[in-house]
Amino acid sequence: MMQEETLKAIEGLQTVETVAEALNIKKQSALNLISKLKKQGYVTTSGGRQQKRLYKITARKQRKRNFGMFDVINKYSPMKLAPWYDHQVHGRYGPEEALIDAIQTQSFRVILASMRLFNHITDWPKLYKLAKEKGCWQKVGALYDVAKLYFKVRKMPSYYLKYESGKWQRLTQLKKINFPSITKKWRVYMPFNEKDMREAS
């Protein structure tokens, strides 16, 4: 079978088993074929570890994508997220950018999982600058203070931990005052409780 015909026969979201079945070949042969097509740019992968590995196969070569928010969070957090949209980025993108983007989603689960990024922040000035541009430094400070109660985090320079007065802000739609001392210090409603934090551990 010509490669073009092969690609058309297996185009879409596949597993090794479905590729083997579609082409009537053995599983090892399907793995070898997928590996070859991946090197040529026709296949991207997702899942793995505890999740079933999926292969997105297209008849046209796929542009190599950079890691986005979901990729960075899933790399560092034991709480894995299922992306509900393809978060594409350009240029350097690391934990600092991912944390700010997570806060911007206002998603309970995304923000909770992103708190593990505090152990991988290496450029605090950059994080501060990004947060100030988005008007969410209060939220970053509140999340950091809660995260360090449960996770190993990199030490934030004291300069950035100073209290900044401002209007009350919400991380999500929930208007709760868990961890009251931190909530009142940063004037940020904290939707997460101890049970949620243990889930993210």
N, C-alpha and C. Protein backbone atom coordinates (compact mmCIF):
# COMPACT_ATOMS: atom_id res chain seq x y z
N MET A 1 0.85 -1.20 0.00
CA MET A 1 0.00 0.00 0.00
C MET A 1 0.89 1.25 0.00
N MET A 2 0.60 2.19 -0.90
CA MET A 2 1.37 3.42 -0.96
C MET A 2 1.17 4.23 0.31
N GLN A 3 2.17 5.05 0.67
CA GLN A 3 2.08 5.81 1.92
C GLN A 3 0.87 6.73 1.94
N GLU A 4 0.56 7.36 0.82
CA GLU A 4 -0.59 8.27 0.76
C GLU A 4 -1.89 7.53 1.06
N GLU A 5 -2.02 6.31 0.53
CA GLU A 5 -3.21 5.50 0.80
C GLU A 5 -3.24 5.05 2.25
N THR A 6 -2.06 4.72 2.76
CA THR A 6 -1.96 4.30 4.17
C THR A 6 -2.42 5.41 5.10
N LEU A 7 -1.95 6.62 4.84
CA LEU A 7 -2.33 7.77 5.68
C LEU A 7 -3.82 8.02 5.64
N LYS A 8 -4.41 7.92 4.47
CA LYS A 8 -5.86 8.12 4.34
C LYS A 8 -6.64 7.06 5.10
N ALA A 9 -6.09 5.84 5.13
CA ALA A 9 -6.77 4.73 5.80
C ALA A 9 -6.76 4.85 7.32
N ILE A 10 -5.74 5.55 7.85
CA ILE A 10 -5.62 5.64 9.31
C ILE A 10 -5.70 7.08 9.81
N GLU A 11 -6.10 8.00 8.96
CA GLU A 11 -6.18 9.40 9.36
C GLU A 11 -7.17 9.58 10.50
N GLY A 12 -6.81 10.41 11.47
CA GLY A 12 -7.68 10.66 12.63
C GLY A 12 -6.98 10.30 13.92
N LEU A 13 -7.75 10.17 14.99
CA LEU A 13 -7.21 9.84 16.31
C LEU A 13 -7.18 8.32 16.45
N GLN A 14 -6.00 7.77 16.66
CA GLN A 14 -5.84 6.32 16.65
C GLN A 14 -5.05 5.83 17.87
N THR A 15 -5.15 4.52 18.11
CA THR A 15 -4.26 3.83 19.04
C THR A 15 -3.48 2.83 18.21
N VAL A 16 -2.49 2.19 18.82
CA VAL A 16 -1.72 1.18 18.09
C VAL A 16 -2.66 0.08 17.61
N GLU A 17 -3.60 -0.30 18.47
CA GLU A 17 -4.52 -1.39 18.12
C GLU A 17 -5.42 -1.04 16.94
N THR A 18 -5.92 0.20 16.92
CA THR A 18 -6.83 0.57 15.82
C THR A 18 -6.07 0.70 14.50
N VAL A 19 -4.81 1.13 14.57
CA VAL A 19 -3.98 1.19 13.36
C VAL A 19 -3.73 -0.22 12.83
N ALA A 20 -3.38 -1.13 13.75
CA ALA A 20 -3.14 -2.52 13.36
C ALA A 20 -4.38 -3.13 12.72
N GLU A 21 -5.54 -2.86 13.31
CA GLU A 21 -6.79 -3.41 12.80
C GLU A 21 -7.15 -2.82 11.44
N ALA A 22 -6.98 -1.50 11.29
CA ALA A 22 -7.34 -0.83 10.04
C ALA A 22 -6.49 -1.30 8.87
N LEU A 23 -5.22 -1.61 9.15
CA LEU A 23 -4.30 -2.02 8.08
C LEU A 23 -4.09 -3.53 8.02
N ASN A 24 -4.73 -4.23 8.97
CA ASN A 24 -4.62 -5.69 9.04
C ASN A 24 -3.15 -6.12 9.18
N ILE A 25 -2.48 -5.50 10.14
CA ILE A 25 -1.08 -5.83 10.41
C ILE A 25 -0.92 -6.11 11.91
N LYS A 26 0.26 -6.64 12.28
CA LYS A 26 0.52 -6.94 13.68
C LYS A 26 0.79 -5.66 14.47
N LYS A 27 0.62 -5.75 15.79
CA LYS A 27 0.80 -4.59 16.65
C LYS A 27 2.20 -3.99 16.54
N GLN A 28 3.23 -4.87 16.49
CA GLN A 28 4.60 -4.38 16.39
C GLN A 28 4.83 -3.64 15.07
N SER A 29 4.21 -4.15 14.01
CA SER A 29 4.32 -3.50 12.71
C SER A 29 3.64 -2.14 12.74
N ALA A 30 2.51 -2.06 13.46
CA ALA A 30 1.79 -0.79 13.59
C ALA A 30 2.64 0.22 14.35
N LEU A 31 3.33 -0.24 15.40
CA LEU A 31 4.22 0.64 16.18
C LEU A 31 5.35 1.17 15.31
N ASN A 32 5.93 0.28 14.50
CA ASN A 32 7.02 0.69 13.62
C ASN A 32 6.54 1.71 12.59
N LEU A 33 5.35 1.49 12.06
CA LEU A 33 4.79 2.41 11.07
C LEU A 33 4.52 3.78 11.69
N ILE A 34 3.92 3.78 12.88
CA ILE A 34 3.62 5.04 13.58
C ILE A 34 4.91 5.81 13.86
N SER A 35 5.95 5.10 14.30
CA SER A 35 7.24 5.72 14.59
C SER A 35 7.82 6.36 13.33
N LYS A 36 7.72 5.67 12.22
CA LYS A 36 8.22 6.19 10.94
C LYS A 36 7.45 7.44 10.52
N LEU A 37 6.12 7.37 10.62
CA LEU A 37 5.29 8.50 10.22
C LEU A 37 5.48 9.70 11.14
N LYS A 38 5.76 9.42 12.41
CA LYS A 38 6.00 10.49 13.38
C LYS A 38 7.27 11.26 13.01
N LYS A 39 8.32 10.53 12.65
CA LYS A 39 9.58 11.16 12.25
C LYS A 39 9.39 12.02 11.00
N GLN A 40 8.45 11.62 10.15
CA GLN A 40 8.19 12.35 8.92
C GLN A 40 7.25 13.54 9.13
N GLY A 41 6.66 13.62 10.34
CA GLY A 41 5.81 14.77 10.65
C GLY A 41 4.32 14.57 10.44
N TYR A 42 3.88 13.31 10.30
CA TYR A 42 2.47 13.04 10.07
C TYR A 42 1.72 12.64 11.36
N VAL A 43 2.46 12.50 12.45
CA VAL A 43 1.86 11.99 13.70
C VAL A 43 2.27 12.84 14.89
N THR A 44 1.31 13.18 15.75
CA THR A 44 1.61 13.75 17.06
C THR A 44 0.96 12.86 18.11
N THR A 45 1.55 12.81 19.28
CA THR A 45 1.06 11.90 20.33
C THR A 45 0.52 12.66 21.53
N SER A 46 -0.32 11.99 22.27
CA SER A 46 -0.85 12.53 23.53
C SER A 46 -1.13 11.36 24.45
N GLY A 47 -1.31 11.66 25.74
CA GLY A 47 -1.56 10.59 26.70
C GLY A 47 -0.27 9.94 27.14
N GLY A 48 -0.36 8.69 27.52
CA GLY A 48 0.81 7.97 28.03
C GLY A 48 0.74 7.80 29.52
N ARG A 49 1.72 7.10 30.08
CA ARG A 49 1.76 6.75 31.51
C ARG A 49 0.48 6.01 31.88
N GLN A 50 -0.37 6.63 32.68
CA GLN A 50 -1.59 5.94 33.11
C GLN A 50 -2.72 6.06 32.09
N GLN A 51 -2.55 6.95 31.13
CA GLN A 51 -3.58 7.14 30.11
C GLN A 51 -3.19 6.41 28.84
N LYS A 52 -4.19 6.02 28.05
CA LYS A 52 -3.94 5.36 26.77
C LYS A 52 -3.24 6.33 25.83
N ARG A 53 -2.15 5.86 25.18
CA ARG A 53 -1.45 6.73 24.25
C ARG A 53 -2.24 6.84 22.96
N LEU A 54 -2.49 8.08 22.56
CA LEU A 54 -3.25 8.35 21.35
C LEU A 54 -2.36 9.00 20.30
N TYR A 55 -2.66 8.69 19.06
CA TYR A 55 -1.88 9.23 17.94
C TYR A 55 -2.80 10.00 16.99
N LYS A 56 -2.48 11.25 16.79
CA LYS A 56 -3.23 12.05 15.83
C LYS A 56 -2.49 11.95 14.50
N ILE A 57 -3.14 11.30 13.54
CA ILE A 57 -2.51 11.05 12.25
C ILE A 57 -3.21 11.87 11.17
N THR A 58 -2.44 12.58 10.38
CA THR A 58 -2.99 13.40 9.30
C THR A 58 -2.30 13.07 7.98
N ALA A 59 -3.01 13.33 6.90
CA ALA A 59 -2.46 13.06 5.57
C ALA A 59 -1.42 14.11 5.18
N ARG A 60 -1.51 15.28 5.84
CA ARG A 60 -0.53 16.33 5.60
C ARG A 60 0.40 16.44 6.80
N LYS A 61 1.62 16.87 6.54
CA LYS A 61 2.57 17.00 7.64
C LYS A 61 2.09 18.06 8.63
N GLN A 62 2.28 17.76 9.91
CA GLN A 62 1.84 18.66 10.97
C GLN A 62 3.00 19.56 11.39
N ARG A 63 2.68 20.83 11.59
CA ARG A 63 3.70 21.75 12.10
C ARG A 63 4.02 21.38 13.54
N LYS A 64 5.28 21.38 13.87
CA LYS A 64 5.69 21.09 15.24
C LYS A 64 5.16 22.18 16.16
N ARG A 65 4.48 21.78 17.22
CA ARG A 65 3.90 22.75 18.14
C ARG A 65 4.76 22.88 19.39
N ASN A 66 4.78 24.07 19.96
CA ASN A 66 5.46 24.30 21.22
C ASN A 66 4.55 23.91 22.38
N PHE A 67 5.16 23.60 23.50
CA PHE A 67 4.39 23.27 24.70
C PHE A 67 3.56 24.48 25.12
N GLY A 68 2.28 24.26 25.40
CA GLY A 68 1.41 25.31 25.90
C GLY A 68 1.12 25.11 27.38
N MET A 69 0.13 25.83 27.87
CA MET A 69 -0.20 25.81 29.30
C MET A 69 -0.48 24.41 29.83
N PHE A 70 -1.35 23.66 29.13
CA PHE A 70 -1.72 22.33 29.61
C PHE A 70 -0.51 21.41 29.65
N ASP A 71 0.36 21.51 28.63
CA ASP A 71 1.55 20.67 28.58
C ASP A 71 2.47 20.94 29.76
N VAL A 72 2.70 22.22 30.05
CA VAL A 72 3.61 22.59 31.14
C VAL A 72 3.04 22.15 32.49
N ILE A 73 1.76 22.39 32.71
CA ILE A 73 1.14 21.99 33.99
C ILE A 73 1.20 20.48 34.14
N ASN A 74 0.84 19.74 33.09
CA ASN A 74 0.84 18.27 33.16
C ASN A 74 2.24 17.71 33.35
N LYS A 75 3.25 18.44 32.91
CA LYS A 75 4.64 18.00 33.09
C LYS A 75 5.03 18.03 34.56
N TYR A 76 4.56 19.02 35.30
CA TYR A 76 5.01 19.21 36.68
C TYR A 76 3.99 18.83 37.75
N SER A 77 2.73 18.73 37.40
CA SER A 77 1.71 18.48 38.41
C SER A 77 1.22 17.03 38.38
N PRO A 78 1.06 16.40 39.56
CA PRO A 78 0.50 15.05 39.60
C PRO A 78 -0.99 15.05 39.23
N MET A 79 -1.62 16.20 39.32
CA MET A 79 -3.03 16.33 38.91
C MET A 79 -3.05 16.66 37.42
N LYS A 80 -3.38 15.68 36.61
CA LYS A 80 -3.32 15.86 35.16
C LYS A 80 -4.61 16.51 34.64
N LEU A 81 -4.43 17.36 33.63
CA LEU A 81 -5.55 18.09 33.03
C LEU A 81 -5.82 17.58 31.62
N ALA A 82 -7.09 17.46 31.28
CA ALA A 82 -7.48 17.13 29.91
C ALA A 82 -7.74 18.45 29.18
N PRO A 83 -6.91 18.79 28.20
CA PRO A 83 -7.10 20.08 27.50
C PRO A 83 -8.47 20.16 26.84
N TRP A 84 -9.14 21.31 27.00
CA TRP A 84 -10.42 21.49 26.33
C TRP A 84 -10.27 22.41 25.12
N TYR A 85 -9.04 22.91 24.90
CA TYR A 85 -8.73 23.64 23.67
C TYR A 85 -7.22 23.54 23.44
N ASP A 86 -6.78 23.76 22.21
CA ASP A 86 -5.37 23.65 21.87
C ASP A 86 -4.69 24.98 22.18
N HIS A 87 -3.96 25.01 23.28
CA HIS A 87 -3.30 26.23 23.71
C HIS A 87 -1.95 26.34 23.01
N GLN A 88 -1.90 27.10 21.92
CA GLN A 88 -0.68 27.27 21.14
C GLN A 88 0.08 28.50 21.60
N VAL A 89 1.40 28.37 21.65
CA VAL A 89 2.23 29.50 22.05
C VAL A 89 3.40 29.63 21.07
N HIS A 90 4.05 30.77 21.12
CA HIS A 90 5.20 31.01 20.27
C HIS A 90 6.35 31.54 21.13
N GLY A 91 7.55 31.11 20.81
CA GLY A 91 8.70 31.55 21.58
C GLY A 91 8.84 30.78 22.88
N ARG A 92 9.69 31.30 23.77
CA ARG A 92 9.92 30.61 25.04
C ARG A 92 8.67 30.65 25.91
N TYR A 93 8.32 29.49 26.46
CA TYR A 93 7.13 29.40 27.31
C TYR A 93 7.43 28.41 28.43
N GLY A 94 7.40 28.92 29.65
CA GLY A 94 7.73 28.06 30.78
C GLY A 94 6.74 28.19 31.92
N PRO A 95 7.13 27.76 33.12
CA PRO A 95 6.24 27.79 34.27
C PRO A 95 5.70 29.18 34.60
N GLU A 96 6.51 30.22 34.37
CA GLU A 96 6.05 31.58 34.69
C GLU A 96 4.85 31.96 33.83
N GLU A 97 4.97 31.72 32.52
CA GLU A 97 3.86 32.04 31.61
C GLU A 97 2.65 31.14 31.87
N ALA A 98 2.92 29.85 32.12
CA ALA A 98 1.83 28.89 32.33
C ALA A 98 1.01 29.24 33.57
N LEU A 99 1.68 29.67 34.63
CA LEU A 99 0.97 30.03 35.87
C LEU A 99 0.03 31.21 35.63
N ILE A 100 0.50 32.23 34.94
CA ILE A 100 -0.34 33.40 34.66
C ILE A 100 -1.50 33.01 33.75
N ASP A 101 -1.24 32.20 32.73
CA ASP A 101 -2.32 31.77 31.84
C ASP A 101 -3.35 30.92 32.59
N ALA A 102 -2.88 30.10 33.52
CA ALA A 102 -3.80 29.27 34.31
C ALA A 102 -4.73 30.15 35.14
N ILE A 103 -4.17 31.17 35.77
CA ILE A 103 -4.99 32.10 36.57
C ILE A 103 -6.03 32.79 35.70
N GLN A 104 -5.64 33.13 34.47
CA GLN A 104 -6.56 33.81 33.56
C GLN A 104 -7.75 32.95 33.15
N THR A 105 -7.61 31.62 33.22
CA THR A 105 -8.73 30.74 32.83
C THR A 105 -9.89 30.82 33.82
N GLN A 106 -9.60 31.19 35.08
CA GLN A 106 -10.60 31.19 36.17
C GLN A 106 -11.19 29.80 36.40
N SER A 107 -10.48 28.77 35.95
CA SER A 107 -10.92 27.39 36.12
C SER A 107 -10.41 26.82 37.44
N PHE A 108 -11.31 26.31 38.26
CA PHE A 108 -10.97 25.75 39.56
C PHE A 108 -9.86 24.71 39.44
N ARG A 109 -10.05 23.73 38.56
CA ARG A 109 -9.10 22.61 38.45
C ARG A 109 -7.77 23.05 37.84
N VAL A 110 -7.81 23.91 36.84
CA VAL A 110 -6.57 24.36 36.19
C VAL A 110 -5.71 25.14 37.17
N ILE A 111 -6.32 26.05 37.91
CA ILE A 111 -5.55 26.86 38.87
C ILE A 111 -5.01 25.98 40.00
N LEU A 112 -5.82 25.03 40.47
CA LEU A 112 -5.38 24.14 41.54
C LEU A 112 -4.15 23.33 41.09
N ALA A 113 -4.21 22.78 39.89
CA ALA A 113 -3.08 21.99 39.37
C ALA A 113 -1.85 22.88 39.14
N SER A 114 -2.08 24.13 38.75
CA SER A 114 -0.97 25.02 38.43
C SER A 114 -0.16 25.43 39.65
N MET A 115 -0.69 25.23 40.84
CA MET A 115 0.03 25.65 42.05
C MET A 115 1.33 24.87 42.23
N ARG A 116 1.44 23.70 41.58
CA ARG A 116 2.68 22.95 41.67
C ARG A 116 3.81 23.60 40.86
N LEU A 117 3.46 24.56 40.05
CA LEU A 117 4.49 25.25 39.25
C LEU A 117 5.40 26.13 40.11
N PHE A 118 4.96 26.46 41.32
CA PHE A 118 5.77 27.33 42.17
C PHE A 118 7.13 26.71 42.52
N ASN A 119 7.25 25.39 42.38
CA ASN A 119 8.54 24.76 42.65
C ASN A 119 9.46 24.80 41.42
N HIS A 120 8.95 25.37 40.33
CA HIS A 120 9.74 25.39 39.10
C HIS A 120 9.90 26.81 38.54
N ILE A 121 9.48 27.79 39.32
CA ILE A 121 9.67 29.19 38.92
C ILE A 121 11.13 29.55 39.15
N THR A 122 11.80 30.04 38.11
CA THR A 122 13.20 30.43 38.24
C THR A 122 13.40 31.93 37.99
N ASP A 123 12.41 32.56 37.39
CA ASP A 123 12.55 33.98 37.05
C ASP A 123 11.42 34.76 37.73
N TRP A 124 11.62 35.12 38.99
CA TRP A 124 10.59 35.85 39.73
C TRP A 124 10.31 37.23 39.16
N PRO A 125 11.33 37.98 38.72
CA PRO A 125 11.04 39.29 38.10
C PRO A 125 10.12 39.16 36.89
N LYS A 126 10.32 38.10 36.11
CA LYS A 126 9.48 37.89 34.94
C LYS A 126 8.05 37.58 35.35
N LEU A 127 7.90 36.70 36.35
CA LEU A 127 6.57 36.34 36.84
C LEU A 127 5.86 37.59 37.36
N TYR A 128 6.58 38.40 38.11
CA TYR A 128 6.01 39.63 38.67
C TYR A 128 5.55 40.57 37.55
N LYS A 129 6.41 40.72 36.55
CA LYS A 129 6.08 41.61 35.43
C LYS A 129 4.84 41.12 34.67
N LEU A 130 4.79 39.82 34.38
CA LEU A 130 3.64 39.24 33.67
C LEU A 130 2.35 39.41 34.47
N ALA A 131 2.45 39.16 35.78
CA ALA A 131 1.28 39.27 36.65
C ALA A 131 0.79 40.70 36.76
N LYS A 132 1.72 41.64 36.86
CA LYS A 132 1.32 43.05 36.95
C LYS A 132 0.65 43.51 35.66
N GLU A 133 1.15 43.00 34.53
CA GLU A 133 0.54 43.36 33.25
C GLU A 133 -0.89 42.86 33.16
N LYS A 134 -1.15 41.69 33.76
CA LYS A 134 -2.50 41.11 33.73
C LYS A 134 -3.34 41.50 34.94
N GLY A 135 -2.75 42.27 35.86
CA GLY A 135 -3.47 42.71 37.05
C GLY A 135 -3.82 41.59 38.01
N CYS A 136 -2.91 40.59 38.12
CA CYS A 136 -3.24 39.44 38.97
C CYS A 136 -2.15 39.09 39.98
N TRP A 137 -1.29 40.07 40.34
CA TRP A 137 -0.24 39.75 41.30
C TRP A 137 -0.80 39.37 42.67
N GLN A 138 -1.89 39.98 43.07
CA GLN A 138 -2.53 39.60 44.35
C GLN A 138 -2.86 38.11 44.33
N LYS A 139 -3.37 37.62 43.20
CA LYS A 139 -3.75 36.21 43.08
C LYS A 139 -2.52 35.31 43.15
N VAL A 140 -1.44 35.73 42.50
CA VAL A 140 -0.19 34.96 42.53
C VAL A 140 0.31 34.86 43.97
N GLY A 141 0.31 35.99 44.68
CA GLY A 141 0.79 36.00 46.06
C GLY A 141 -0.04 35.11 46.96
N ALA A 142 -1.35 35.15 46.80
CA ALA A 142 -2.25 34.32 47.62
C ALA A 142 -2.03 32.83 47.32
N LEU A 143 -1.92 32.50 46.05
CA LEU A 143 -1.70 31.10 45.67
C LEU A 143 -0.36 30.59 46.20
N TYR A 144 0.66 31.43 46.12
CA TYR A 144 1.99 31.04 46.61
C TYR A 144 1.94 30.75 48.11
N ASP A 145 1.31 31.64 48.87
CA ASP A 145 1.25 31.45 50.32
C ASP A 145 0.50 30.17 50.71
N VAL A 146 -0.53 29.82 49.94
CA VAL A 146 -1.27 28.57 50.22
C VAL A 146 -0.44 27.37 49.76
N ALA A 147 0.16 27.47 48.58
CA ALA A 147 0.94 26.36 48.02
C ALA A 147 2.06 25.94 48.96
N LYS A 148 2.75 26.91 49.56
CA LYS A 148 3.91 26.56 50.39
C LYS A 148 3.52 25.85 51.69
N LEU A 149 2.21 25.86 52.00
CA LEU A 149 1.74 25.11 53.16
C LEU A 149 1.67 23.62 52.87
N TYR A 150 1.59 23.26 51.57
CA TYR A 150 1.36 21.86 51.19
C TYR A 150 2.43 21.27 50.28
N PHE A 151 3.09 22.11 49.47
CA PHE A 151 4.04 21.60 48.50
C PHE A 151 5.43 22.19 48.75
N LYS A 152 6.39 21.55 48.13
CA LYS A 152 7.73 22.12 48.07
C LYS A 152 7.69 23.23 47.03
N VAL A 153 8.10 24.43 47.41
CA VAL A 153 8.10 25.56 46.47
C VAL A 153 9.46 26.24 46.50
N ARG A 154 9.80 26.89 45.43
CA ARG A 154 11.02 27.70 45.41
C ARG A 154 10.76 28.97 46.21
N LYS A 155 11.76 29.41 46.92
CA LYS A 155 11.56 30.58 47.77
C LYS A 155 11.41 31.85 46.93
N MET A 156 10.30 32.53 47.17
CA MET A 156 10.08 33.79 46.50
C MET A 156 10.82 34.90 47.24
N PRO A 157 11.57 35.74 46.52
CA PRO A 157 12.26 36.85 47.19
C PRO A 157 11.28 37.70 48.00
N SER A 158 11.69 38.10 49.19
CA SER A 158 10.82 38.83 50.11
C SER A 158 10.27 40.11 49.50
N TYR A 159 11.02 40.67 48.56
CA TYR A 159 10.59 41.92 47.91
C TYR A 159 9.21 41.77 47.28
N TYR A 160 8.94 40.57 46.73
CA TYR A 160 7.68 40.35 46.03
C TYR A 160 6.55 39.91 46.96
N LEU A 161 6.91 39.53 48.18
CA LEU A 161 5.88 39.04 49.11
C LEU A 161 5.22 40.14 49.93
N LYS A 162 5.61 41.37 49.69
CA LYS A 162 5.02 42.46 50.45
C LYS A 162 3.55 42.60 50.10
N TYR A 163 2.77 43.01 51.06
CA TYR A 163 1.33 43.16 50.86
C TYR A 163 1.03 44.34 49.96
N GLU A 164 0.13 44.11 49.01
CA GLU A 164 -0.31 45.19 48.13
C GLU A 164 -1.81 45.37 48.31
N SER A 165 -2.20 46.53 48.76
CA SER A 165 -3.64 46.76 48.94
C SER A 165 -4.30 46.87 47.57
N GLY A 166 -5.52 46.46 47.53
CA GLY A 166 -6.26 46.53 46.28
C GLY A 166 -7.67 46.02 46.48
N LYS A 167 -8.46 46.05 45.44
CA LYS A 167 -9.83 45.56 45.53
C LYS A 167 -9.81 44.04 45.71
N TRP A 168 -10.85 43.53 46.34
CA TRP A 168 -10.98 42.09 46.48
C TRP A 168 -11.08 41.45 45.10
N GLN A 169 -10.37 40.33 44.93
CA GLN A 169 -10.38 39.62 43.66
C GLN A 169 -10.79 38.17 43.86
N ARG A 170 -11.36 37.58 42.80
CA ARG A 170 -11.76 36.17 42.84
C ARG A 170 -10.93 35.36 41.85
N LEU A 171 -10.47 34.19 42.28
CA LEU A 171 -9.75 33.29 41.39
C LEU A 171 -10.72 32.57 40.46
N THR A 172 -11.86 32.18 41.00
CA THR A 172 -12.91 31.51 40.24
C THR A 172 -14.21 32.25 40.55
N GLN A 173 -15.31 31.67 40.19
CA GLN A 173 -16.61 32.28 40.50
C GLN A 173 -16.97 32.13 41.97
N LEU A 174 -16.27 31.24 42.67
CA LEU A 174 -16.56 30.99 44.08
C LEU A 174 -16.03 32.13 44.95
N LYS A 175 -16.83 32.55 45.89
CA LYS A 175 -16.46 33.67 46.76
C LYS A 175 -16.29 33.15 48.18
N LYS A 176 -15.23 32.34 48.39
CA LYS A 176 -15.01 31.71 49.69
C LYS A 176 -13.78 32.29 50.37
N ILE A 177 -13.79 32.21 51.70
CA ILE A 177 -12.64 32.70 52.47
C ILE A 177 -12.02 31.53 53.21
N ASN A 178 -11.47 30.57 52.45
CA ASN A 178 -10.65 29.52 53.05
C ASN A 178 -9.27 30.12 53.31
N PHE A 179 -8.53 29.54 54.27
CA PHE A 179 -7.24 30.09 54.67
C PHE A 179 -7.39 31.60 54.94
N PRO A 180 -8.22 31.94 55.93
CA PRO A 180 -8.60 33.33 56.17
C PRO A 180 -7.46 34.34 56.30
N SER A 181 -6.36 33.96 56.95
CA SER A 181 -5.27 34.93 57.12
C SER A 181 -4.64 35.29 55.77
N ILE A 182 -4.49 34.29 54.91
CA ILE A 182 -3.92 34.53 53.58
C ILE A 182 -4.93 35.29 52.71
N THR A 183 -6.17 34.86 52.79
CA THR A 183 -7.24 35.52 52.02
C THR A 183 -7.31 37.01 52.34
N LYS A 184 -7.26 37.33 53.63
CA LYS A 184 -7.39 38.73 54.04
C LYS A 184 -6.11 39.52 53.75
N LYS A 185 -4.96 38.86 53.83
CA LYS A 185 -3.69 39.54 53.54
C LYS A 185 -3.66 40.02 52.09
N TRP A 186 -4.04 39.15 51.17
CA TRP A 186 -3.96 39.47 49.74
C TRP A 186 -5.27 39.99 49.17
N ARG A 187 -6.34 39.92 49.97
CA ARG A 187 -7.67 40.34 49.51
C ARG A 187 -8.07 39.56 48.24
N VAL A 188 -7.88 38.24 48.36
CA VAL A 188 -8.24 37.33 47.26
C VAL A 188 -9.08 36.19 47.84
N TYR A 189 -10.27 35.99 47.32
CA TYR A 189 -11.11 34.88 47.76
C TYR A 189 -10.46 33.57 47.35
N MET A 190 -10.26 32.68 48.32
CA MET A 190 -9.58 31.41 48.06
C MET A 190 -10.60 30.27 48.00
N PRO A 191 -10.85 29.73 46.80
CA PRO A 191 -11.88 28.69 46.66
C PRO A 191 -11.43 27.31 47.13
N PHE A 192 -10.11 27.09 47.28
CA PHE A 192 -9.61 25.76 47.62
C PHE A 192 -9.57 25.53 49.13
N ASN A 193 -9.92 24.32 49.54
CA ASN A 193 -9.83 23.96 50.95
C ASN A 193 -8.76 22.88 51.13
N GLU A 194 -8.61 22.38 52.34
CA GLU A 194 -7.54 21.42 52.62
C GLU A 194 -7.71 20.13 51.80
N LYS A 195 -8.94 19.69 51.62
CA LYS A 195 -9.21 18.47 50.83
C LYS A 195 -8.74 18.68 49.39
N ASP A 196 -9.03 19.85 48.83
CA ASP A 196 -8.58 20.12 47.45
C ASP A 196 -7.07 20.12 47.36
N MET A 197 -6.40 20.70 48.34
CA MET A 197 -4.95 20.77 48.32
C MET A 197 -4.33 19.38 48.44
N ARG A 198 -4.94 18.52 49.21
CA ARG A 198 -4.43 17.14 49.33
C ARG A 198 -4.59 16.40 48.01
N GLU A 199 -5.66 16.70 47.29
CA GLU A 199 -5.88 16.06 45.98
C GLU A 199 -4.79 16.46 45.00
N ALA A 200 -4.32 17.69 45.12
CA ALA A 200 -3.29 18.17 44.20
C ALA A 200 -1.88 17.74 44.61
N SER A 201 -1.75 17.12 45.79
CA SER A 201 -0.43 16.71 46.29
C SER A 201 0.11 15.51 45.53
